[in-house]
N, C-alpha and C. Protein backbone atom coordinates (compact mmCIF):
# COMPACT_ATOMS: atom_id res chain seq x y z
N MET A 1 29.94 -28.35 -23.49
CA MET A 1 28.60 -27.95 -23.94
C MET A 1 27.58 -27.91 -22.80
N PRO A 2 27.59 -28.94 -21.90
CA PRO A 2 26.65 -28.86 -20.77
C PRO A 2 26.84 -27.61 -19.94
N ASN A 3 28.11 -27.20 -19.74
CA ASN A 3 28.36 -25.98 -18.96
C ASN A 3 27.79 -24.76 -19.66
N LEU A 4 27.86 -24.74 -21.00
CA LEU A 4 27.33 -23.61 -21.77
C LEU A 4 25.82 -23.52 -21.60
N TRP A 5 25.13 -24.67 -21.74
CA TRP A 5 23.68 -24.67 -21.59
C TRP A 5 23.26 -24.28 -20.18
N GLN A 6 24.02 -24.74 -19.21
CA GLN A 6 23.71 -24.39 -17.82
C GLN A 6 23.89 -22.90 -17.59
N SER A 7 24.93 -22.32 -18.21
CA SER A 7 25.16 -20.88 -18.09
C SER A 7 24.01 -20.10 -18.72
N ILE A 8 23.56 -20.59 -19.89
CA ILE A 8 22.44 -19.92 -20.56
C ILE A 8 21.17 -20.00 -19.71
N LYS A 9 20.93 -21.19 -19.15
CA LYS A 9 19.75 -21.37 -18.30
C LYS A 9 19.83 -20.47 -17.07
N ASN A 10 21.00 -20.38 -16.48
CA ASN A 10 21.18 -19.53 -15.30
C ASN A 10 20.98 -18.06 -15.65
N THR A 11 21.47 -17.68 -16.84
CA THR A 11 21.30 -16.29 -17.27
C THR A 11 19.83 -15.96 -17.46
N ILE A 12 19.10 -16.87 -18.13
CA ILE A 12 17.66 -16.65 -18.35
C ILE A 12 16.92 -16.60 -17.02
N ARG A 13 17.29 -17.53 -16.14
CA ARG A 13 16.64 -17.55 -14.82
C ARG A 13 16.94 -16.28 -14.04
N GLY A 14 18.20 -15.82 -14.13
CA GLY A 14 18.58 -14.59 -13.43
C GLY A 14 17.82 -13.40 -13.95
N LYS A 15 17.66 -13.31 -15.29
CA LYS A 15 16.89 -12.21 -15.86
C LYS A 15 15.44 -12.28 -15.43
N GLY A 16 14.92 -13.51 -15.36
CA GLY A 16 13.53 -13.67 -14.92
C GLY A 16 13.34 -13.22 -13.48
N ASP A 17 14.29 -13.61 -12.61
CA ASP A 17 14.22 -13.19 -11.21
C ASP A 17 14.34 -11.68 -11.08
N GLU A 18 15.23 -11.10 -11.89
CA GLU A 18 15.41 -9.65 -11.86
C GLU A 18 14.13 -8.94 -12.29
N LEU A 19 13.50 -9.44 -13.35
CA LEU A 19 12.25 -8.85 -13.83
C LEU A 19 11.15 -9.01 -12.79
N ALA A 20 11.11 -10.19 -12.16
CA ALA A 20 10.09 -10.42 -11.13
C ALA A 20 10.27 -9.46 -9.97
N ASN A 21 11.52 -9.20 -9.58
CA ASN A 21 11.78 -8.27 -8.48
C ASN A 21 11.34 -6.85 -8.84
N LYS A 22 11.58 -6.47 -10.10
CA LYS A 22 11.18 -5.13 -10.53
C LYS A 22 9.67 -4.99 -10.57
N MET A 23 8.99 -6.08 -10.95
CA MET A 23 7.54 -6.03 -11.07
C MET A 23 6.84 -6.23 -9.73
N ALA A 24 7.57 -6.70 -8.73
CA ALA A 24 6.97 -6.98 -7.43
C ALA A 24 6.50 -5.68 -6.76
N ASP A 25 5.32 -5.76 -6.15
CA ASP A 25 4.77 -4.64 -5.41
C ASP A 25 4.03 -5.22 -4.21
N PRO A 26 4.67 -5.26 -3.03
CA PRO A 26 4.06 -5.90 -1.86
C PRO A 26 2.70 -5.31 -1.49
N VAL A 27 2.55 -3.98 -1.61
CA VAL A 27 1.27 -3.35 -1.26
C VAL A 27 0.18 -3.80 -2.21
N ARG A 28 0.49 -3.77 -3.52
CA ARG A 28 -0.49 -4.22 -4.52
C ARG A 28 -0.82 -5.69 -4.30
N ASP A 29 0.21 -6.50 -4.10
CA ASP A 29 -0.01 -7.94 -3.89
C ASP A 29 -0.80 -8.19 -2.62
N GLY A 30 -0.55 -7.38 -1.58
CA GLY A 30 -1.29 -7.53 -0.34
C GLY A 30 -2.77 -7.24 -0.52
N LYS A 31 -3.08 -6.19 -1.28
CA LYS A 31 -4.49 -5.84 -1.54
C LYS A 31 -5.18 -6.94 -2.35
N ILE A 32 -4.46 -7.47 -3.35
CA ILE A 32 -5.02 -8.55 -4.16
C ILE A 32 -5.26 -9.79 -3.29
N ALA A 33 -4.31 -10.08 -2.39
CA ALA A 33 -4.45 -11.23 -1.50
C ALA A 33 -5.68 -11.08 -0.59
N ILE A 34 -5.92 -9.86 -0.13
CA ILE A 34 -7.10 -9.61 0.71
C ILE A 34 -8.38 -9.85 -0.07
N GLU A 35 -8.43 -9.34 -1.31
CA GLU A 35 -9.62 -9.54 -2.14
C GLU A 35 -9.83 -11.01 -2.45
N ASP A 36 -8.74 -11.72 -2.77
CA ASP A 36 -8.85 -13.16 -3.05
C ASP A 36 -9.31 -13.92 -1.80
N SER A 37 -8.81 -13.51 -0.64
CA SER A 37 -9.20 -14.17 0.61
C SER A 37 -10.68 -13.94 0.90
N LYS A 38 -11.17 -12.74 0.60
CA LYS A 38 -12.60 -12.45 0.80
C LYS A 38 -13.46 -13.35 -0.08
N LYS A 39 -13.03 -13.53 -1.34
CA LYS A 39 -13.78 -14.41 -2.24
C LYS A 39 -13.76 -15.85 -1.74
N GLN A 40 -12.59 -16.29 -1.27
CA GLN A 40 -12.47 -17.65 -0.75
C GLN A 40 -13.35 -17.83 0.49
N ILE A 41 -13.36 -16.83 1.35
CA ILE A 41 -14.19 -16.89 2.55
C ILE A 41 -15.67 -16.94 2.19
N ALA A 42 -16.06 -16.18 1.15
CA ALA A 42 -17.45 -16.18 0.71
C ALA A 42 -17.86 -17.58 0.23
N LYS A 43 -16.98 -18.23 -0.55
CA LYS A 43 -17.27 -19.59 -1.01
C LYS A 43 -17.31 -20.57 0.17
N PHE A 44 -16.39 -20.39 1.09
CA PHE A 44 -16.32 -21.24 2.27
C PHE A 44 -17.58 -21.08 3.12
N THR A 45 -18.02 -19.85 3.26
CA THR A 45 -19.24 -19.57 4.03
C THR A 45 -20.44 -20.24 3.40
N ASP A 46 -20.52 -20.20 2.06
CA ASP A 46 -21.63 -20.82 1.34
C ASP A 46 -21.66 -22.33 1.57
N LYS A 47 -20.48 -22.96 1.54
CA LYS A 47 -20.41 -24.41 1.77
C LYS A 47 -20.83 -24.75 3.19
N ILE A 48 -20.39 -23.94 4.15
CA ILE A 48 -20.78 -24.19 5.54
C ILE A 48 -22.29 -24.04 5.72
N ALA A 49 -22.84 -23.02 5.07
CA ALA A 49 -24.28 -22.80 5.17
C ALA A 49 -25.06 -23.98 4.59
N LYS A 50 -24.58 -24.53 3.47
CA LYS A 50 -25.26 -25.68 2.87
C LYS A 50 -25.17 -26.90 3.76
N LEU A 51 -24.00 -27.13 4.34
CA LEU A 51 -23.84 -28.28 5.24
C LEU A 51 -24.70 -28.10 6.48
N SER A 52 -24.76 -26.88 6.98
CA SER A 52 -25.59 -26.61 8.16
C SER A 52 -27.06 -26.84 7.85
N ALA A 53 -27.49 -26.39 6.67
CA ALA A 53 -28.89 -26.59 6.27
C ALA A 53 -29.21 -28.08 6.14
N HIS A 54 -28.27 -28.84 5.55
CA HIS A 54 -28.46 -30.28 5.41
C HIS A 54 -28.56 -30.95 6.78
N ASN A 55 -27.74 -30.51 7.71
CA ASN A 55 -27.75 -31.12 9.04
C ASN A 55 -29.03 -30.79 9.79
N LYS A 56 -29.57 -29.61 9.54
CA LYS A 56 -30.84 -29.25 10.18
C LYS A 56 -31.96 -30.17 9.68
N LYS A 57 -31.92 -30.48 8.38
CA LYS A 57 -32.92 -31.41 7.84
C LYS A 57 -32.75 -32.79 8.46
N GLN A 58 -31.49 -33.19 8.63
CA GLN A 58 -31.23 -34.49 9.25
C GLN A 58 -31.74 -34.53 10.68
N HIS A 59 -31.66 -33.39 11.36
CA HIS A 59 -32.20 -33.32 12.71
C HIS A 59 -33.71 -33.60 12.69
N LYS A 60 -34.39 -33.04 11.71
CA LYS A 60 -35.84 -33.28 11.59
C LYS A 60 -36.12 -34.75 11.32
N THR A 61 -35.32 -35.34 10.43
CA THR A 61 -35.48 -36.77 10.13
C THR A 61 -35.19 -37.61 11.36
N LEU A 62 -34.17 -37.19 12.11
CA LEU A 62 -33.81 -37.91 13.33
C LEU A 62 -34.96 -37.89 14.33
N GLU A 63 -35.62 -36.77 14.43
CA GLU A 63 -36.78 -36.67 15.34
C GLU A 63 -37.89 -37.63 14.90
N GLY A 64 -38.03 -37.77 13.55
CA GLY A 64 -39.04 -38.71 13.05
C GLY A 64 -38.69 -40.16 13.38
N TYR A 65 -37.39 -40.51 13.23
CA TYR A 65 -36.96 -41.87 13.58
C TYR A 65 -37.17 -42.13 15.07
N GLU A 66 -36.89 -41.14 15.88
CA GLU A 66 -37.07 -41.31 17.33
C GLU A 66 -38.54 -41.50 17.66
N ALA A 67 -39.40 -40.78 16.95
CA ALA A 67 -40.84 -40.92 17.16
C ALA A 67 -41.31 -42.33 16.75
N ASP A 68 -40.70 -42.84 15.63
CA ASP A 68 -41.05 -44.21 15.20
C ASP A 68 -40.67 -45.23 16.26
N VAL A 69 -39.51 -45.06 16.86
CA VAL A 69 -39.06 -45.98 17.91
C VAL A 69 -40.08 -46.01 19.05
N GLN A 70 -40.49 -44.82 19.48
CA GLN A 70 -41.45 -44.74 20.57
C GLN A 70 -42.81 -45.30 20.15
N LYS A 71 -43.18 -45.07 18.91
CA LYS A 71 -44.48 -45.56 18.42
C LYS A 71 -44.52 -47.09 18.41
N TYR A 72 -43.48 -47.71 17.82
CA TYR A 72 -43.48 -49.17 17.74
C TYR A 72 -43.30 -49.80 19.11
N LEU A 73 -42.60 -49.11 20.00
CA LEU A 73 -42.45 -49.61 21.36
C LEU A 73 -43.82 -49.62 22.05
N GLY A 74 -44.59 -48.56 21.84
CA GLY A 74 -45.93 -48.49 22.42
C GLY A 74 -46.84 -49.58 21.87
N LEU A 75 -46.75 -49.84 20.55
CA LEU A 75 -47.56 -50.88 19.93
C LEU A 75 -47.20 -52.26 20.47
N ALA A 76 -45.89 -52.47 20.65
CA ALA A 76 -45.45 -53.77 21.18
C ALA A 76 -45.97 -53.97 22.59
N GLU A 77 -45.94 -52.91 23.40
CA GLU A 77 -46.42 -53.01 24.77
C GLU A 77 -47.92 -53.30 24.81
N ARG A 78 -48.67 -52.62 23.93
CA ARG A 78 -50.11 -52.84 23.91
C ARG A 78 -50.45 -54.25 23.40
N ALA A 79 -49.69 -54.72 22.38
CA ALA A 79 -49.93 -56.07 21.85
C ALA A 79 -49.61 -57.13 22.89
N ALA A 80 -48.54 -56.90 23.63
CA ALA A 80 -48.17 -57.85 24.67
C ALA A 80 -49.21 -57.87 25.78
N LYS A 81 -49.70 -56.69 26.09
CA LYS A 81 -50.72 -56.57 27.12
C LYS A 81 -52.00 -57.28 26.69
N ALA A 82 -52.25 -57.24 25.37
CA ALA A 82 -53.44 -57.92 24.84
C ALA A 82 -53.20 -59.41 24.68
N GLY A 83 -51.98 -59.85 24.89
CA GLY A 83 -51.65 -61.26 24.79
C GLY A 83 -51.39 -61.72 23.37
N ASP A 84 -51.15 -60.75 22.44
CA ASP A 84 -50.91 -61.09 21.03
C ASP A 84 -49.39 -61.09 20.79
N ARG A 85 -48.82 -62.31 20.88
CA ARG A 85 -47.37 -62.44 20.75
C ARG A 85 -46.87 -62.04 19.37
N ASP A 86 -47.59 -62.46 18.33
CA ASP A 86 -47.13 -62.17 16.96
C ASP A 86 -47.09 -60.67 16.68
N ASP A 87 -48.18 -59.99 17.09
CA ASP A 87 -48.20 -58.53 16.86
C ASP A 87 -47.11 -57.83 17.68
N ALA A 88 -46.91 -58.35 18.89
CA ALA A 88 -45.87 -57.75 19.74
C ALA A 88 -44.50 -57.95 19.11
N ARG A 89 -44.23 -59.16 18.57
CA ARG A 89 -42.95 -59.43 17.91
C ARG A 89 -42.77 -58.51 16.70
N GLN A 90 -43.86 -58.40 15.88
CA GLN A 90 -43.77 -57.56 14.67
C GLN A 90 -43.50 -56.11 15.05
N ALA A 91 -44.15 -55.63 16.10
CA ALA A 91 -43.95 -54.25 16.53
C ALA A 91 -42.51 -54.04 17.02
N LEU A 92 -41.98 -55.03 17.72
CA LEU A 92 -40.60 -54.92 18.22
C LEU A 92 -39.58 -54.94 17.07
N GLU A 93 -39.88 -55.76 16.03
CA GLU A 93 -39.00 -55.80 14.87
C GLU A 93 -38.98 -54.43 14.17
N LEU A 94 -40.16 -53.81 14.01
CA LEU A 94 -40.25 -52.48 13.40
C LEU A 94 -39.55 -51.44 14.28
N LYS A 95 -39.70 -51.60 15.56
CA LYS A 95 -39.02 -50.68 16.50
C LYS A 95 -37.50 -50.82 16.39
N SER A 96 -37.02 -52.08 16.22
CA SER A 96 -35.59 -52.32 16.10
C SER A 96 -35.02 -51.66 14.83
N LYS A 97 -35.73 -51.78 13.73
CA LYS A 97 -35.30 -51.15 12.48
C LYS A 97 -35.28 -49.63 12.61
N ALA A 98 -36.32 -49.09 13.24
CA ALA A 98 -36.37 -47.64 13.44
C ALA A 98 -35.22 -47.18 14.33
N GLN A 99 -34.90 -48.02 15.33
CA GLN A 99 -33.78 -47.69 16.23
C GLN A 99 -32.46 -47.69 15.47
N GLU A 100 -32.27 -48.66 14.56
CA GLU A 100 -31.05 -48.71 13.75
C GLU A 100 -30.90 -47.46 12.88
N ARG A 101 -32.03 -47.07 12.25
CA ARG A 101 -32.00 -45.86 11.42
C ARG A 101 -31.68 -44.64 12.28
N PHE A 102 -32.30 -44.62 13.47
CA PHE A 102 -32.06 -43.49 14.38
C PHE A 102 -30.60 -43.43 14.81
N ASP A 103 -30.04 -44.55 15.22
CA ASP A 103 -28.65 -44.59 15.69
C ASP A 103 -27.68 -44.20 14.58
N SER A 104 -27.91 -44.71 13.36
CA SER A 104 -27.03 -44.41 12.23
C SER A 104 -27.08 -42.92 11.88
N LEU A 105 -28.31 -42.39 11.82
CA LEU A 105 -28.44 -40.98 11.46
C LEU A 105 -27.92 -40.08 12.57
N LYS A 106 -28.12 -40.49 13.81
CA LYS A 106 -27.62 -39.68 14.93
C LYS A 106 -26.11 -39.58 14.88
N LYS A 107 -25.43 -40.68 14.53
CA LYS A 107 -23.99 -40.67 14.42
C LYS A 107 -23.54 -39.71 13.32
N GLU A 108 -24.25 -39.77 12.19
CA GLU A 108 -23.93 -38.88 11.07
C GLU A 108 -24.14 -37.41 11.45
N VAL A 109 -25.25 -37.13 12.13
CA VAL A 109 -25.55 -35.75 12.55
C VAL A 109 -24.50 -35.24 13.51
N GLU A 110 -24.08 -36.10 14.46
CA GLU A 110 -23.07 -35.69 15.44
C GLU A 110 -21.72 -35.41 14.75
N GLN A 111 -21.39 -36.23 13.77
CA GLN A 111 -20.16 -36.01 13.01
C GLN A 111 -20.22 -34.68 12.25
N ASN A 112 -21.37 -34.42 11.63
CA ASN A 112 -21.54 -33.16 10.91
C ASN A 112 -21.46 -31.96 11.84
N GLU A 113 -21.99 -32.13 13.04
CA GLU A 113 -21.93 -31.04 14.02
C GLU A 113 -20.48 -30.74 14.40
N ALA A 114 -19.69 -31.79 14.56
CA ALA A 114 -18.28 -31.60 14.89
C ALA A 114 -17.54 -30.93 13.74
N ILE A 115 -17.87 -31.37 12.50
CA ILE A 115 -17.25 -30.76 11.32
C ILE A 115 -17.65 -29.29 11.22
N LEU A 116 -18.93 -29.02 11.44
CA LEU A 116 -19.41 -27.63 11.36
C LEU A 116 -18.74 -26.75 12.40
N ALA A 117 -18.52 -27.30 13.58
CA ALA A 117 -17.87 -26.52 14.64
C ALA A 117 -16.45 -26.14 14.22
N ASN A 118 -15.73 -27.09 13.64
CA ASN A 118 -14.37 -26.81 13.17
C ASN A 118 -14.38 -25.81 12.01
N LEU A 119 -15.32 -25.99 11.10
CA LEU A 119 -15.41 -25.10 9.94
C LEU A 119 -15.75 -23.68 10.37
N ARG A 120 -16.68 -23.56 11.32
CA ARG A 120 -17.07 -22.23 11.79
C ARG A 120 -15.90 -21.55 12.51
N GLU A 121 -15.14 -22.34 13.28
CA GLU A 121 -13.98 -21.77 13.96
C GLU A 121 -12.94 -21.30 12.94
N GLY A 122 -12.70 -22.13 11.90
CA GLY A 122 -11.77 -21.73 10.85
C GLY A 122 -12.24 -20.51 10.10
N LEU A 123 -13.55 -20.43 9.87
CA LEU A 123 -14.12 -19.27 9.18
C LEU A 123 -13.95 -18.01 10.01
N THR A 124 -14.20 -18.14 11.31
CA THR A 124 -14.04 -16.99 12.21
C THR A 124 -12.59 -16.51 12.23
N ASN A 125 -11.66 -17.45 12.28
CA ASN A 125 -10.24 -17.08 12.28
C ASN A 125 -9.84 -16.43 10.96
N ALA A 126 -10.35 -16.97 9.85
CA ALA A 126 -10.03 -16.42 8.54
C ALA A 126 -10.57 -15.00 8.40
N ARG A 127 -11.79 -14.78 8.85
CA ARG A 127 -12.37 -13.44 8.78
C ARG A 127 -11.59 -12.46 9.63
N ALA A 128 -11.19 -12.92 10.82
CA ALA A 128 -10.42 -12.04 11.71
C ALA A 128 -9.07 -11.70 11.09
N ARG A 129 -8.45 -12.69 10.46
CA ARG A 129 -7.15 -12.45 9.84
C ARG A 129 -7.25 -11.47 8.68
N VAL A 130 -8.29 -11.63 7.87
CA VAL A 130 -8.48 -10.70 6.74
C VAL A 130 -8.79 -9.30 7.24
N ALA A 131 -9.66 -9.23 8.26
CA ALA A 131 -10.00 -7.92 8.82
C ALA A 131 -8.77 -7.23 9.40
N ASN A 132 -7.92 -8.00 10.07
CA ASN A 132 -6.70 -7.45 10.64
C ASN A 132 -5.75 -6.97 9.54
N ALA A 133 -5.62 -7.79 8.50
CA ALA A 133 -4.75 -7.41 7.38
C ALA A 133 -5.26 -6.16 6.68
N GLN A 134 -6.57 -6.07 6.55
CA GLN A 134 -7.16 -4.90 5.88
C GLN A 134 -6.97 -3.64 6.71
N SER A 135 -7.12 -3.76 8.02
CA SER A 135 -6.92 -2.59 8.89
C SER A 135 -5.46 -2.17 8.92
N ASN A 136 -4.56 -3.15 8.79
CA ASN A 136 -3.13 -2.83 8.80
C ASN A 136 -2.63 -2.33 7.45
N MET A 137 -3.40 -2.56 6.39
CA MET A 137 -2.93 -2.22 5.06
C MET A 137 -2.63 -0.74 4.93
N VAL A 138 -3.50 0.11 5.49
CA VAL A 138 -3.30 1.56 5.41
C VAL A 138 -1.99 1.93 6.11
N SER A 139 -1.78 1.35 7.31
CA SER A 139 -0.55 1.65 8.05
C SER A 139 0.68 1.13 7.32
N LEU A 140 0.59 -0.09 6.79
CA LEU A 140 1.73 -0.67 6.08
C LEU A 140 2.06 0.12 4.82
N GLU A 141 1.02 0.55 4.11
CA GLU A 141 1.25 1.32 2.89
C GLU A 141 1.90 2.66 3.23
N ALA A 142 1.41 3.31 4.31
CA ALA A 142 1.99 4.59 4.72
C ALA A 142 3.45 4.41 5.15
N ARG A 143 3.73 3.33 5.89
CA ARG A 143 5.10 3.07 6.32
C ARG A 143 6.02 2.82 5.12
N ARG A 144 5.50 2.10 4.13
CA ARG A 144 6.32 1.81 2.94
C ARG A 144 6.62 3.09 2.17
N GLU A 145 5.59 3.94 2.00
CA GLU A 145 5.81 5.20 1.30
C GLU A 145 6.76 6.09 2.08
N GLY A 146 6.63 6.05 3.42
CA GLY A 146 7.54 6.83 4.26
C GLY A 146 8.98 6.37 4.11
N ALA A 147 9.17 5.06 4.01
CA ALA A 147 10.51 4.52 3.81
C ALA A 147 11.09 4.98 2.48
N LYS A 148 10.24 5.01 1.45
CA LYS A 148 10.69 5.48 0.14
C LYS A 148 11.14 6.95 0.20
N VAL A 149 10.31 7.77 0.89
CA VAL A 149 10.64 9.20 1.00
C VAL A 149 11.96 9.37 1.75
N ARG A 150 12.11 8.62 2.85
CA ARG A 150 13.36 8.72 3.63
C ARG A 150 14.56 8.32 2.78
N THR A 151 14.38 7.28 1.97
CA THR A 151 15.48 6.84 1.10
C THR A 151 15.82 7.92 0.08
N GLU A 152 14.79 8.51 -0.54
CA GLU A 152 15.03 9.54 -1.54
C GLU A 152 15.69 10.77 -0.94
N LEU A 153 15.25 11.14 0.28
CA LEU A 153 15.85 12.29 0.94
C LEU A 153 17.31 12.02 1.28
N ALA A 154 17.59 10.80 1.73
CA ALA A 154 18.98 10.45 2.06
C ALA A 154 19.84 10.49 0.80
N LYS A 155 19.30 9.97 -0.31
CA LYS A 155 20.04 10.01 -1.57
C LYS A 155 20.26 11.45 -2.02
N ALA A 156 19.20 12.28 -1.87
CA ALA A 156 19.31 13.68 -2.28
C ALA A 156 20.35 14.41 -1.45
N SER A 157 20.37 14.11 -0.13
CA SER A 157 21.35 14.76 0.74
C SER A 157 22.77 14.42 0.31
N THR A 158 22.99 13.16 -0.06
CA THR A 158 24.31 12.73 -0.53
C THR A 158 24.69 13.45 -1.81
N GLU A 159 23.72 13.58 -2.71
CA GLU A 159 23.97 14.25 -3.99
C GLU A 159 24.26 15.74 -3.78
N PHE A 160 23.52 16.37 -2.83
CA PHE A 160 23.75 17.78 -2.55
C PHE A 160 25.17 17.98 -2.04
N SER A 161 25.57 17.07 -1.12
CA SER A 161 26.91 17.20 -0.54
C SER A 161 27.99 16.99 -1.59
N ALA A 162 27.72 16.11 -2.54
CA ALA A 162 28.71 15.80 -3.56
C ALA A 162 28.67 16.77 -4.73
N GLY A 163 27.77 17.73 -4.72
CA GLY A 163 27.66 18.70 -5.80
C GLY A 163 27.09 18.10 -7.07
N GLN A 164 26.36 16.98 -6.94
CA GLN A 164 25.78 16.33 -8.11
C GLN A 164 24.35 16.77 -8.37
N SER A 165 23.76 17.51 -7.47
CA SER A 165 22.39 17.93 -7.63
C SER A 165 22.27 19.13 -8.54
N PRO A 166 21.12 19.30 -9.23
CA PRO A 166 20.89 20.52 -10.01
C PRO A 166 21.00 21.79 -9.17
N LEU A 167 20.79 21.66 -7.85
CA LEU A 167 20.91 22.83 -6.98
C LEU A 167 22.33 23.37 -6.96
N ALA A 168 23.27 22.48 -7.30
CA ALA A 168 24.66 22.95 -7.31
C ALA A 168 24.86 24.05 -8.36
N ALA A 169 24.03 24.04 -9.40
CA ALA A 169 24.14 25.06 -10.45
C ALA A 169 23.78 26.44 -9.92
N LEU A 170 22.99 26.48 -8.84
CA LEU A 170 22.62 27.78 -8.26
C LEU A 170 23.84 28.48 -7.69
N ASP A 171 24.78 27.71 -7.14
CA ASP A 171 26.01 28.31 -6.63
C ASP A 171 26.81 28.95 -7.76
N ASP A 172 26.87 28.26 -8.90
CA ASP A 172 27.58 28.81 -10.05
C ASP A 172 26.90 30.08 -10.55
N LEU A 173 25.56 30.07 -10.53
CA LEU A 173 24.83 31.25 -10.99
C LEU A 173 25.11 32.45 -10.09
N GLU A 174 25.09 32.22 -8.77
CA GLU A 174 25.34 33.32 -7.84
C GLU A 174 26.76 33.87 -8.02
N LYS A 175 27.72 32.98 -8.23
CA LYS A 175 29.10 33.42 -8.44
C LYS A 175 29.22 34.24 -9.71
N ALA A 176 28.53 33.79 -10.79
CA ALA A 176 28.58 34.52 -12.06
C ALA A 176 27.96 35.90 -11.92
N VAL A 177 26.85 36.00 -11.19
CA VAL A 177 26.19 37.30 -10.99
C VAL A 177 27.09 38.23 -10.20
N ASN A 178 27.73 37.71 -9.15
CA ASN A 178 28.64 38.54 -8.36
C ASN A 178 29.79 39.06 -9.23
N ASP A 179 30.32 38.21 -10.10
CA ASP A 179 31.40 38.64 -11.00
C ASP A 179 30.92 39.72 -11.96
N ASP A 180 29.72 39.54 -12.50
CA ASP A 180 29.17 40.53 -13.44
C ASP A 180 28.95 41.87 -12.77
N GLU A 181 28.45 41.84 -11.53
CA GLU A 181 28.20 43.09 -10.81
C GLU A 181 29.51 43.82 -10.50
N ALA A 182 30.53 43.04 -10.10
CA ALA A 182 31.84 43.65 -9.81
C ALA A 182 32.43 44.27 -11.08
N SER A 183 32.28 43.60 -12.22
CA SER A 183 32.79 44.13 -13.49
C SER A 183 32.05 45.41 -13.89
N ALA A 184 30.73 45.42 -13.67
CA ALA A 184 29.95 46.60 -14.01
C ALA A 184 30.38 47.81 -13.17
N GLU A 185 30.60 47.57 -11.88
CA GLU A 185 31.03 48.66 -11.01
C GLU A 185 32.40 49.21 -11.44
N ALA A 186 33.29 48.30 -11.84
CA ALA A 186 34.62 48.75 -12.29
C ALA A 186 34.52 49.61 -13.54
N TRP A 187 33.72 49.19 -14.48
CA TRP A 187 33.57 49.98 -15.72
C TRP A 187 32.87 51.31 -15.46
N GLU A 188 31.95 51.31 -14.51
CA GLU A 188 31.29 52.57 -14.18
C GLU A 188 32.29 53.57 -13.59
N GLU A 189 33.20 53.08 -12.75
CA GLU A 189 34.23 53.97 -12.18
C GLU A 189 35.16 54.50 -13.26
N MET A 190 35.51 53.63 -14.20
CA MET A 190 36.40 54.05 -15.28
C MET A 190 35.73 55.03 -16.24
N ALA A 191 34.44 54.88 -16.45
CA ALA A 191 33.73 55.71 -17.42
C ALA A 191 33.28 57.03 -16.83
N GLU A 192 33.36 57.17 -15.51
CA GLU A 192 32.86 58.39 -14.87
C GLU A 192 33.78 59.57 -15.22
N VAL A 193 33.22 60.62 -15.75
CA VAL A 193 33.97 61.84 -16.16
C VAL A 193 33.78 62.92 -15.11
N LYS A 194 34.90 63.38 -14.55
CA LYS A 194 34.81 64.40 -13.52
C LYS A 194 35.19 65.76 -14.11
N ASP A 195 34.44 66.80 -13.75
CA ASP A 195 34.71 68.18 -14.21
C ASP A 195 35.88 68.75 -13.41
N PRO A 196 37.03 69.03 -14.09
CA PRO A 196 38.20 69.52 -13.36
C PRO A 196 37.99 70.93 -12.78
N GLY A 197 37.02 71.69 -13.31
CA GLY A 197 36.77 73.06 -12.81
C GLY A 197 37.75 74.08 -13.37
N LYS A 198 37.67 75.35 -12.94
CA LYS A 198 38.54 76.43 -13.44
C LYS A 198 39.82 76.52 -12.61
N SER A 199 40.92 76.89 -13.28
CA SER A 199 42.19 77.08 -12.58
C SER A 199 42.17 78.38 -11.80
N LEU A 200 43.15 78.51 -10.89
CA LEU A 200 43.21 79.74 -10.10
C LEU A 200 43.45 80.95 -10.98
N GLU A 201 44.26 80.80 -12.06
CA GLU A 201 44.52 81.92 -12.97
C GLU A 201 43.23 82.37 -13.64
N ASP A 202 42.43 81.37 -14.00
CA ASP A 202 41.16 81.71 -14.65
C ASP A 202 40.23 82.42 -13.68
N LYS A 203 40.27 81.94 -12.38
CA LYS A 203 39.36 82.54 -11.43
C LYS A 203 39.79 83.94 -10.99
N TYR A 204 41.11 84.09 -10.70
CA TYR A 204 41.55 85.32 -10.07
C TYR A 204 42.51 86.16 -10.93
N GLY A 205 42.98 85.63 -12.03
CA GLY A 205 43.89 86.38 -12.88
C GLY A 205 43.15 87.42 -13.72
N SER A 206 43.88 88.27 -14.41
CA SER A 206 43.27 89.32 -15.24
C SER A 206 42.63 88.68 -16.44
N ALA A 207 41.47 89.13 -16.69
CA ALA A 207 40.74 88.61 -17.84
C ALA A 207 41.04 89.42 -19.09
N LYS A 208 41.81 90.53 -18.92
CA LYS A 208 42.07 91.41 -20.07
C LYS A 208 43.33 90.96 -20.80
N SER A 209 43.34 91.10 -22.07
CA SER A 209 44.49 90.75 -22.90
C SER A 209 45.39 92.00 -23.09
N SER A 210 46.58 91.81 -23.71
CA SER A 210 47.51 92.95 -23.97
C SER A 210 46.90 93.95 -24.94
N VAL A 211 46.05 93.49 -25.79
CA VAL A 211 45.37 94.41 -26.74
C VAL A 211 44.45 95.34 -25.98
N ASP A 212 43.80 94.79 -24.98
CA ASP A 212 42.90 95.63 -24.19
C ASP A 212 43.69 96.69 -23.43
N ASP A 213 44.89 96.31 -22.88
CA ASP A 213 45.71 97.27 -22.14
C ASP A 213 46.15 98.40 -23.07
N GLU A 214 46.57 98.01 -24.23
CA GLU A 214 47.06 99.03 -25.18
C GLU A 214 45.93 99.97 -25.62
N LEU A 215 44.79 99.41 -25.77
CA LEU A 215 43.63 100.20 -26.17
C LEU A 215 43.26 101.19 -25.06
N GLU A 216 43.35 100.78 -23.82
CA GLU A 216 43.01 101.65 -22.71
C GLU A 216 43.99 102.86 -22.65
N LYS A 217 45.26 102.56 -22.89
CA LYS A 217 46.24 103.64 -22.88
C LYS A 217 45.94 104.67 -23.96
N LEU A 218 45.67 104.19 -25.11
CA LEU A 218 45.36 105.12 -26.21
C LEU A 218 44.13 105.96 -25.91
N MET A 219 43.19 105.34 -25.40
CA MET A 219 41.95 106.05 -25.12
C MET A 219 42.12 107.02 -23.96
N GLY A 220 42.99 106.66 -23.03
CA GLY A 220 43.23 107.51 -21.88
C GLY A 220 44.03 108.74 -22.30
N GLY A 221 44.90 108.58 -23.30
CA GLY A 221 45.69 109.71 -23.75
C GLY A 221 44.81 110.76 -24.40
N ASN A 222 43.73 110.38 -24.97
CA ASN A 222 42.81 111.34 -25.59
C ASN A 222 42.03 112.05 -24.51
């Protein structure tokens, strides 16, 4: 029983593979793949643009943190110069916090820049690959159609040689016409009636009968 079920499964799978092969169309599938790739690239481009926009905002924030560092550093220096230790300490503490925010955000921005560089390179490669595939599609389609024509011509040549083509019937037609023409000529020769003409006796013999001779004698005697 297991062997029977396996045979049935193999048969179904074989029919499925056969149907898939019949339905396969590399040119059609290639065009669909190009369109799908364009859509994917469009989505990818949108994500890169959003990440790039976010990183630009982070750059602005980073500039603000850097300004805070410089501001609190200046306040600490002025407080120290004025001899106010507490204000100088407070300014340095604020400067330290601003520096931490700056360092953390700078690391994040640098990481995003590296990610964006890789994403942009991948996007450029993807666009180039799609553009190349699209430019080659016309050539590939023409080559595929040319291969089909060559195959059909080769098959037709084999059929012509084997007398399997409808063109072979033209030879039979020509032979039949030749036979009919030969038969017609033969019957025309048989049906032709020739005038035998007059015999020499008719042409040069006496046209008078014995009655005429006898009549002439009688008349001459008078």
